Protein backbone atom coordinates (compact mmCIF):
# COMPACT_ATOMS: atom_id res chain seq x y z
CA MET A 1 24.66 -21.50 -9.98
CA SER A 2 26.42 -18.18 -10.46
CA ALA A 3 24.75 -14.92 -9.54
CA PRO A 4 23.15 -12.93 -12.36
CA THR A 5 24.80 -9.82 -13.71
CA LEU A 6 23.33 -6.38 -13.25
CA ALA A 7 22.35 -6.52 -16.93
CA ASP A 8 20.37 -9.71 -16.23
CA VAL A 9 18.59 -8.10 -13.27
CA VAL A 10 17.78 -4.96 -15.25
CA THR A 11 16.30 -7.14 -18.01
CA ALA A 12 14.06 -8.83 -15.44
CA LEU A 13 13.00 -5.48 -13.97
CA GLU A 14 12.22 -4.09 -17.41
CA ASP A 15 10.14 -7.17 -18.21
CA LEU A 16 8.09 -6.43 -15.10
CA TYR A 17 8.03 -2.67 -15.64
CA PRO A 18 8.69 -1.83 -19.32
CA PRO A 19 10.33 1.59 -19.70
CA SER A 20 8.08 2.21 -22.71
CA THR A 21 5.09 2.38 -20.35
CA ALA A 22 6.56 5.24 -18.32
CA GLU A 23 5.14 8.73 -18.80
CA GLY A 24 7.01 10.88 -21.30
CA TRP A 25 8.28 13.25 -18.62
CA ASP A 26 9.63 10.46 -16.43
CA ALA A 27 13.20 9.24 -15.91
CA VAL A 28 13.35 5.48 -15.33
CA GLY A 29 15.87 2.71 -15.75
CA LEU A 30 19.47 2.16 -14.68
CA VAL A 31 20.93 5.31 -13.15
CA ALA A 32 24.36 4.07 -12.09
CA GLY A 33 26.24 0.77 -12.10
CA ASP A 34 28.32 -1.59 -14.22
CA PRO A 35 26.06 -3.99 -16.16
CA GLN A 36 28.69 -6.74 -15.97
CA ARG A 37 28.94 -6.82 -12.17
CA GLN A 38 27.23 -9.68 -10.37
CA VAL A 39 24.21 -9.03 -8.19
CA ARG A 40 23.45 -11.06 -5.08
CA LYS A 41 21.51 -8.58 -2.94
CA VAL A 42 18.79 -6.17 -4.11
CA MET A 43 17.12 -3.61 -1.84
CA PHE A 44 13.84 -1.88 -2.71
CA ALA A 45 12.83 1.56 -1.38
CA VAL A 46 10.55 4.44 -2.28
CA ASP A 47 13.11 7.27 -2.18
CA PRO A 48 16.84 7.41 -3.06
CA VAL A 49 17.62 9.51 0.00
CA SER A 50 20.73 9.44 2.17
CA ALA A 51 19.25 7.26 4.93
CA VAL A 52 18.16 4.64 2.38
CA VAL A 53 21.64 4.67 0.82
CA ASP A 54 23.10 4.09 4.30
CA GLU A 55 20.78 1.12 4.80
CA ALA A 56 21.60 -0.38 1.40
CA ILE A 57 25.35 -0.04 1.90
CA GLU A 58 25.26 -1.41 5.44
CA TRP A 59 23.30 -4.46 4.24
CA GLY A 60 25.78 -4.98 1.41
CA ALA A 61 23.32 -4.44 -1.43
CA ASP A 62 24.63 -4.78 -4.97
CA LEU A 63 21.59 -2.95 -6.34
CA LEU A 64 19.18 -0.40 -4.92
CA VAL A 65 15.84 -0.15 -6.74
CA THR A 66 13.81 2.95 -5.90
CA HIS A 67 10.42 4.13 -7.03
CA HIS A 68 11.27 7.81 -7.18
CA PRO A 69 13.97 8.99 -9.57
CA LEU A 70 17.16 10.52 -8.24
CA PHE A 71 17.44 12.66 -11.38
CA LEU A 72 14.02 13.62 -12.74
CA LYS A 73 15.47 16.58 -14.63
CA PRO A 74 18.64 16.60 -16.75
CA VAL A 75 21.88 17.44 -14.95
CA THR A 76 25.33 18.44 -16.19
CA SER A 77 27.31 17.09 -13.25
CA VAL A 78 27.25 14.29 -10.68
CA ALA A 79 30.11 15.72 -8.67
CA ALA A 80 30.11 14.73 -5.01
CA THR A 81 29.87 18.43 -4.13
CA THR A 82 26.10 18.18 -4.68
CA PHE A 83 23.80 16.07 -2.51
CA LYS A 84 22.57 14.02 -5.45
CA GLY A 85 26.04 13.55 -6.85
CA ALA A 86 27.19 12.44 -3.41
CA VAL A 87 24.52 9.71 -3.47
CA VAL A 88 25.89 8.36 -6.76
CA HIS A 89 29.49 8.42 -5.50
CA ARG A 90 28.64 6.68 -2.24
CA LEU A 91 26.68 3.94 -4.00
CA LEU A 92 29.35 3.26 -6.59
CA ALA A 93 32.15 3.33 -4.04
CA ALA A 94 30.27 0.61 -2.14
CA GLY A 95 29.66 -1.40 -5.32
CA CYS A 96 25.92 -0.72 -5.31
CA ALA A 97 24.04 0.17 -8.50
CA LEU A 98 20.85 2.27 -8.68
CA HIS A 99 17.76 1.54 -10.79
CA VAL A 100 14.44 3.43 -10.96
CA ALA A 101 10.95 2.07 -11.69
CA HIS A 102 8.51 4.99 -11.40
CA THR A 103 5.43 5.55 -13.57
CA ASN A 104 6.16 2.29 -15.38
CA ALA A 105 5.69 0.59 -11.99
CA ASP A 106 2.60 2.68 -11.21
CA SER A 107 0.67 1.18 -14.11
CA ALA A 108 1.99 -2.39 -14.18
CA PRO A 109 0.09 -5.49 -13.05
CA ARG A 110 1.09 -6.02 -9.40
CA GLY A 111 2.48 -2.52 -9.51
CA VAL A 112 1.89 0.46 -7.24
CA ALA A 113 -1.82 0.73 -8.05
CA ASP A 114 -2.56 -2.97 -7.58
CA ALA A 115 -0.63 -3.13 -4.30
CA LEU A 116 -2.65 -0.22 -2.90
CA ALA A 117 -5.92 -1.64 -4.23
CA ASP A 118 -5.20 -4.97 -2.53
CA LEU A 119 -4.71 -3.29 0.84
CA VAL A 120 -7.81 -1.13 0.44
CA GLY A 121 -9.79 -4.24 -0.53
CA ILE A 122 -10.87 -3.49 -4.10
CA THR A 123 -12.13 -6.43 -6.16
CA ASP A 124 -13.27 -6.85 -9.79
CA ARG A 125 -10.98 -4.00 -10.60
CA ARG A 126 -9.67 -2.33 -13.72
CA PRO A 127 -7.31 0.57 -14.41
CA LEU A 128 -8.78 3.96 -13.65
CA VAL A 129 -7.13 5.26 -16.83
CA ALA A 130 -6.13 2.32 -19.03
CA ARG A 131 -3.37 2.45 -21.62
CA ASP A 132 -4.65 2.40 -25.18
CA ASP A 133 -2.30 -0.46 -26.09
CA ASP A 134 -2.78 -2.61 -22.98
CA GLY A 135 -6.01 -2.75 -21.01
CA GLU A 136 -4.29 -4.41 -18.02
CA ARG A 137 -1.90 -1.51 -17.55
CA GLY A 138 -2.83 2.00 -16.61
CA ILE A 139 -2.90 4.60 -13.87
CA GLY A 140 -4.87 3.76 -10.72
CA ARG A 141 -7.43 1.05 -10.08
CA VAL A 142 -11.21 1.16 -9.66
CA GLY A 143 -13.71 -1.46 -8.55
CA SER A 144 -15.95 -2.76 -5.77
CA LEU A 145 -14.99 -3.02 -2.13
CA GLU A 146 -14.83 -6.54 -0.73
CA ALA A 147 -17.79 -5.73 1.49
CA PRO A 148 -19.98 -2.65 2.01
CA THR A 149 -18.62 -0.42 4.74
CA THR A 150 -18.67 3.19 5.89
CA LEU A 151 -16.31 5.96 4.93
CA GLY A 152 -15.01 6.07 8.49
CA GLU A 153 -14.31 2.33 8.63
CA LEU A 154 -12.58 2.44 5.26
CA ALA A 155 -10.40 5.34 6.39
CA ARG A 156 -9.48 3.42 9.54
CA ARG A 157 -8.58 0.39 7.43
CA VAL A 158 -6.33 2.54 5.27
CA ALA A 159 -4.68 3.96 8.39
CA ASP A 160 -4.10 0.43 9.73
CA VAL A 161 -2.56 -1.10 6.60
CA LEU A 162 -0.28 1.72 5.43
CA PRO A 163 2.97 2.85 7.09
CA ALA A 164 2.47 5.36 9.87
CA THR A 165 3.30 8.94 8.89
CA ALA A 166 3.00 12.33 10.56
CA GLN A 167 0.13 13.26 8.23
CA GLY A 168 -1.94 10.18 8.95
CA VAL A 169 -5.16 9.95 6.94
CA ARG A 170 -7.33 12.93 5.98
CA VAL A 171 -10.98 12.43 5.05
CA ALA A 172 -13.56 14.56 3.22
CA GLY A 173 -17.14 13.37 3.78
CA ASP A 174 -19.47 11.99 6.43
CA LEU A 175 -17.72 9.16 8.27
CA ASP A 176 -21.05 7.31 8.62
CA ALA A 177 -21.81 7.36 4.88
CA ALA A 178 -22.05 3.95 3.21
CA VAL A 179 -19.45 3.13 0.55
CA THR A 180 -19.32 0.14 -1.79
CA THR A 181 -17.01 1.24 -4.63
CA ALA A 182 -13.61 2.91 -4.65
CA ALA A 183 -10.77 4.16 -6.80
CA VAL A 184 -7.11 4.35 -5.79
CA VAL A 185 -4.07 6.13 -7.17
CA GLY A 186 -0.67 5.81 -5.54
CA GLY A 187 1.17 9.12 -5.28
CA SER A 188 -0.23 12.52 -6.23
CA GLY A 189 -3.79 11.99 -7.40
CA ASP A 190 -5.71 15.24 -7.81
CA SER A 191 -4.99 15.41 -11.55
CA LEU A 192 -7.19 12.31 -11.97
CA PHE A 193 -10.39 13.82 -10.51
CA ASP A 194 -12.21 13.80 -13.86
CA ALA A 195 -11.50 10.09 -14.33
CA VAL A 196 -12.64 9.37 -10.77
CA ARG A 197 -15.91 11.24 -11.31
CA ALA A 198 -16.46 9.39 -14.59
CA ALA A 199 -15.99 6.09 -12.75
CA ALA A 200 -18.86 7.07 -10.40
CA VAL A 201 -17.22 5.58 -7.30
CA ASP A 202 -18.15 6.34 -3.71
CA VAL A 203 -14.65 7.10 -2.45
CA TYR A 204 -11.23 8.01 -3.83
CA VAL A 205 -8.06 6.98 -1.97
CA THR A 206 -4.90 8.79 -3.04
CA ALA A 207 -2.19 11.18 -1.80
CA ASP A 208 -1.03 14.80 -1.97
CA LEU A 209 -4.48 16.32 -2.42
CA ARG A 210 -4.29 20.10 -2.67
CA HIS A 211 -6.82 22.53 -1.21
CA HIS A 212 -8.34 24.01 -4.37
CA PRO A 213 -8.75 20.82 -6.45
CA ALA A 214 -10.20 18.95 -3.46
CA SER A 215 -12.54 21.80 -2.52
CA GLU A 216 -13.77 22.17 -6.10
CA LEU A 217 -14.37 18.42 -6.44
CA ARG A 218 -16.50 18.35 -3.30
CA GLU A 219 -18.42 21.52 -4.25
CA ARG A 220 -19.07 20.24 -7.75
CA ALA A 221 -20.30 16.91 -6.43
CA ALA A 222 -22.75 18.60 -4.08
CA PHE A 223 -23.94 21.05 -6.74
CA GLU A 224 -24.55 18.39 -9.38
CA ALA A 225 -26.47 16.26 -6.90
CA GLY A 226 -28.90 19.19 -6.66
CA GLN A 227 -32.06 18.58 -4.67
CA ASP A 228 -31.07 14.97 -4.11
CA VAL A 229 -27.82 15.75 -2.31
CA PRO A 230 -27.68 13.67 0.90
CA PRO A 231 -26.61 15.19 4.22
CA GLU A 232 -23.08 13.84 3.80
CA GLY A 233 -22.59 15.72 0.54
CA GLY A 234 -21.92 14.53 -2.99
CA ARG A 235 -19.65 11.71 -4.04
CA PRO A 236 -16.84 10.79 -4.38
CA PHE A 237 -15.62 11.16 -0.82
CA LEU A 238 -11.89 11.63 -0.37
CA VAL A 239 -9.32 9.71 1.65
CA ASP A 240 -5.92 11.41 1.46
CA VAL A 241 -2.72 9.77 2.71
CA ALA A 242 0.98 10.61 2.62
CA HIS A 243 2.62 10.18 -0.78
CA PHE A 244 5.27 7.81 0.59
CA ALA A 245 2.71 5.66 2.40
CA SER A 246 0.57 5.17 -0.72
CA GLU A 247 3.49 3.79 -2.73
CA TRP A 248 5.40 1.77 -0.13
CA PRO A 249 3.17 -1.37 -0.37
CA TRP A 250 4.42 -2.00 -3.92
CA LEU A 251 7.94 -2.69 -2.70
CA ALA A 252 7.04 -6.13 -1.35
CA TYR A 253 5.42 -7.09 -4.66
CA ALA A 254 8.45 -5.89 -6.61
CA ALA A 255 10.89 -7.77 -4.37
CA ALA A 256 8.92 -11.02 -4.65
CA ASP A 257 8.33 -10.71 -8.39
CA LEU A 258 11.98 -9.98 -9.15
CA ALA A 259 13.12 -12.97 -7.10
CA ASP A 260 10.59 -15.13 -8.94
CA ARG A 261 11.80 -13.90 -12.34
CA LEU A 262 15.45 -14.56 -11.52
CA GLY A 263 14.80 -17.96 -9.91
CA GLY A 264 17.49 -20.20 -8.53
CA GLY A 265 17.76 -18.53 -5.13
CA THR A 266 20.97 -16.74 -6.05
CA VAL A 267 19.57 -13.26 -5.34
CA THR A 268 18.28 -12.07 -1.97
CA THR A 269 15.80 -9.20 -1.93
CA ARG A 270 14.91 -6.85 0.90
CA VAL A 271 12.38 -4.07 1.41
CA SER A 272 13.45 -0.95 3.25
CA THR A 273 11.19 -0.16 6.19
CA LEU A 274 12.55 3.35 6.64
CA VAL A 275 9.82 5.98 6.55
CA THR A 276 11.12 8.54 4.06
CA ASP A 277 8.09 10.81 4.11
CA PRO A 278 9.62 14.31 4.50
CA TRP A 279 7.13 15.41 7.17
CA THR A 280 8.25 14.44 10.66
CA THR A 281 5.65 15.89 13.05
CA ARG A 282 2.00 16.93 13.08
CA VAL A 283 0.70 19.45 15.59
CA ALA A 284 -3.08 19.41 16.01
CA SER A 285 -4.77 22.75 15.44
CA THR A 286 -6.16 24.30 18.62
CA GLY A 287 -6.65 27.92 17.60
CA ARG A 288 -9.86 29.59 16.48
């Protein structure tokens, strides 16, 4: 059986992650590559950075699929004199195409949100913010934890199952507090605080939480609890991880699902294990 063309692979990817389900500001789909070329090796990664391109080329990939777009804003040139243009030139010179599945992969079944929810251990789940036209798709996931636990134990589980990063896992709340329900959002999640509060969960696992939104969420939770506020403060508690780490688990799902869609064993998939989180070191605070 002959290998599929790039056009065939893109069709399979778009069946899994329809471009129409991407956010309006997003830039998804085929970035570079000849649709008529055959594809035998596909690599999946979070970021289209230089080290990932090196890995894809060294492995002999015909297609690199990344979660984050190389070009999120319009450009007027892809000359190799720019670092992004150089990425395109290097990929094409090596015969490797580039495809992006971003917010369309965030909301898909077995997408970024489901992959993170599986690792956290969320059952009986639904989208945190469902699409109006498809209740199975939507941003984030919310549901019950597989078994009651504490905030501290849940945070340790998250630290164990996600890739190690310099940031590690940050927590807001009493580590001994009991938790039975949770919401997750892969990537930057503080814009979803209202939806998380409406879901009335015990804990929210996401990434890139900023000082002011996080502080206001915790203060509001304590204030609205009023006289009944427990010693650990109001809910939801927060578990904040590195952006890269929260999205990396999806890659294995995407690789397996693409191979299943293509069938026939003519395409080999691979997940990059490079940690592309931009932060490289954390120094513990010791000052007053």
